[in-house]
Amino acid sequence: MPRIAPLEPENAPEQSRQLMEQGEQAMGQMLNFFKQMAVSPASFQAYMNFEAALQGGALDQLTREAVYIGTSDYNGCTY
């Protein structure tokens, strides 16, 4: 059971809905992570800004995803 209850887009604050849509377009699907981030529009916006900044980094997409999966597994998250 998640510590933060995920929100469906229709129940999320307006700013979060826009970010959820952007995330869904970028990932090709609505991730539960986005539904949980929607609880706090300010945190969600900060995450999306950080994610955008990483796009110009040295790690390729496959390596970044491997880090996300490894971190999620270490933290006991399901994906």
C-alpha atoms as a PDB file:
ATOM      1  CA  MET A   1       0.000   0.000   0.000  1.00  0.00           C
ATOM      2  CA  PRO A   2       1.468   3.391  -0.963  1.00  0.00           C
ATOM      3  CA  ARG A   3       2.242   5.931   1.746  1.00  0.00           C
ATOM      4  CA  ILE A   4       0.787   8.700  -0.403  1.00  0.00           C
ATOM      5  CA  ALA A   5      -2.624   7.963  -1.849  1.00  0.00           C
ATOM      6  CA  PRO A   6      -2.507   8.443  -5.639  1.00  0.00           C
ATOM      7  CA  LEU A   7      -4.941  10.855  -7.273  1.00  0.00           C
ATOM      8  CA  GLU A   8      -6.725  10.289 -10.539  1.00  0.00           C
ATOM      9  CA  PRO A   9      -6.403  13.250 -12.927  1.00  0.00           C
ATOM     10  CA  GLU A  10     -10.028  14.296 -12.446  1.00  0.00           C
ATOM     11  CA  ASN A  11      -9.454  14.573  -8.664  1.00  0.00           C
ATOM     12  CA  ALA A  12      -6.081  16.336  -8.835  1.00  0.00           C
ATOM     13  CA  PRO A  13      -5.485  20.087  -8.509  1.00  0.00           C
ATOM     14  CA  GLU A  14      -5.500  21.885 -11.861  1.00  0.00           C
ATOM     15  CA  GLN A  15      -1.722  22.488 -11.928  1.00  0.00           C
ATOM     16  CA  SER A  16      -1.123  18.802 -11.187  1.00  0.00           C
ATOM     17  CA  ARG A  17      -3.468  17.764 -14.002  1.00  0.00           C
ATOM     18  CA  GLN A  18      -1.336  19.656 -16.489  1.00  0.00           C
ATOM     19  CA  LEU A  19       1.835  18.052 -15.141  1.00  0.00           C
ATOM     20  CA  MET A  20       0.215  14.610 -15.191  1.00  0.00           C
ATOM     21  CA  GLU A  21      -0.653  15.124 -18.847  1.00  0.00           C
ATOM     22  CA  GLN A  22       2.917  16.197 -19.646  1.00  0.00           C
ATOM     23  CA  GLY A  23       4.299  13.172 -17.820  1.00  0.00           C
ATOM     24  CA  GLU A  24       1.908  10.818 -19.563  1.00  0.00           C
ATOM     25  CA  GLN A  25       2.904  12.193 -22.953  1.00  0.00           C
ATOM     26  CA  ALA A  26       6.593  11.875 -22.124  1.00  0.00           C
ATOM     27  CA  MET A  27       6.342   8.332 -20.732  1.00  0.00           C
ATOM     28  CA  GLY A  28       3.596   7.007 -22.974  1.00  0.00           C
ATOM     29  CA  GLN A  29       1.431   6.058 -20.004  1.00  0.00           C
ATOM     30  CA  MET A  30       0.160   7.443 -16.699  1.00  0.00           C
ATOM     31  CA  LEU A  31       2.560   6.261 -14.015  1.00  0.00           C
ATOM     32  CA  ASN A  32       1.393   5.709 -10.445  1.00  0.00           C
ATOM     33  CA  PHE A  33       4.311   7.911  -9.429  1.00  0.00           C
ATOM     34  CA  PHE A  34       2.674  10.840 -11.252  1.00  0.00           C
ATOM     35  CA  LYS A  35      -0.611  10.125  -9.492  1.00  0.00           C
ATOM     36  CA  GLN A  36       1.182  10.305  -6.157  1.00  0.00           C
ATOM     37  CA  MET A  37       3.129  13.444  -7.054  1.00  0.00           C
ATOM     38  CA  ALA A  38      -0.177  15.108  -7.985  1.00  0.00           C
ATOM     39  CA  VAL A  39      -0.955  15.491  -4.277  1.00  0.00           C
ATOM     40  CA  SER A  40       1.546  18.372  -4.153  1.00  0.00           C
ATOM     41  CA  PRO A  41       1.615  20.553  -7.275  1.00  0.00           C
ATOM     42  CA  ALA A  42       4.723  22.424  -6.046  1.00  0.00           C
ATOM     43  CA  SER A  43       6.675  19.191  -5.489  1.00  0.00           C
ATOM     44  CA  PHE A  44       5.439  17.789  -8.780  1.00  0.00           C
ATOM     45  CA  GLN A  45       6.574  20.931 -10.629  1.00  0.00           C
ATOM     46  CA  ALA A  46       9.996  20.752  -8.942  1.00  0.00           C
ATOM     47  CA  TYR A  47      10.335  17.092  -9.969  1.00  0.00           C
ATOM     48  CA  MET A  48       9.402  17.870 -13.578  1.00  0.00           C
ATOM     49  CA  ASN A  49      11.911  20.757 -13.661  1.00  0.00           C
ATOM     50  CA  PHE A  50      14.602  18.464 -12.272  1.00  0.00           C
ATOM     51  CA  GLU A  51      13.722  15.762 -14.799  1.00  0.00           C
ATOM     52  CA  ALA A  52      13.956  18.293 -17.633  1.00  0.00           C
ATOM     53  CA  ALA A  53      17.381  19.425 -16.394  1.00  0.00           C
ATOM     54  CA  LEU A  54      18.624  15.823 -16.445  1.00  0.00           C
ATOM     55  CA  GLN A  55      17.743  15.477 -20.121  1.00  0.00           C
ATOM     56  CA  GLY A  56      20.935  17.387 -20.963  1.00  0.00           C
ATOM     57  CA  GLY A  57      23.092  15.283 -18.624  1.00  0.00           C
ATOM     58  CA  ALA A  58      25.752  12.720 -19.364  1.00  0.00           C
ATOM     59  CA  LEU A  59      23.596   9.638 -18.690  1.00  0.00           C
ATOM     60  CA  ASP A  60      21.603   8.143 -21.532  1.00  0.00           C
ATOM     61  CA  GLN A  61      17.910   7.247 -21.113  1.00  0.00           C
ATOM     62  CA  LEU A  62      18.588   3.529 -20.601  1.00  0.00           C
ATOM     63  CA  THR A  63      21.092   4.184 -17.796  1.00  0.00           C
ATOM     64  CA  ARG A  64      18.734   6.654 -16.063  1.00  0.00           C
ATOM     65  CA  GLU A  65      15.920   4.097 -16.196  1.00  0.00           C
ATOM     66  CA  ALA A  66      18.212   1.429 -14.756  1.00  0.00           C
ATOM     67  CA  VAL A  67      19.040   3.760 -11.857  1.00  0.00           C
ATOM     68  CA  TYR A  68      15.322   4.463 -11.276  1.00  0.00           C
ATOM     69  CA  ILE A  69      14.492   0.756 -11.270  1.00  0.00           C
ATOM     70  CA  GLY A  70      17.413  -0.135  -9.019  1.00  0.00           C
ATOM     71  CA  THR A  71      16.512   2.618  -6.557  1.00  0.00           C
ATOM     72  CA  SER A  72      12.849   1.622  -6.578  1.00  0.00           C
ATOM     73  CA  ASP A  73      13.770  -2.006  -5.946  1.00  0.00           C
ATOM     74  CA  TYR A  74      16.114  -1.040  -3.121  1.00  0.00           C
ATOM     75  CA  ASN A  75      13.341   1.035  -1.520  1.00  0.00           C
ATOM     76  CA  GLY A  76      10.835  -1.812  -1.848  1.00  0.00           C
ATOM     77  CA  CYS A  77       8.665  -0.008  -4.394  1.00  0.00           C
ATOM     78  CA  THR A  78       6.614  -1.910  -6.929  1.00  0.00           C
ATOM     79  CA  TYR A  79       6.482  -0.826 -10.526  1.00  0.00           C
END
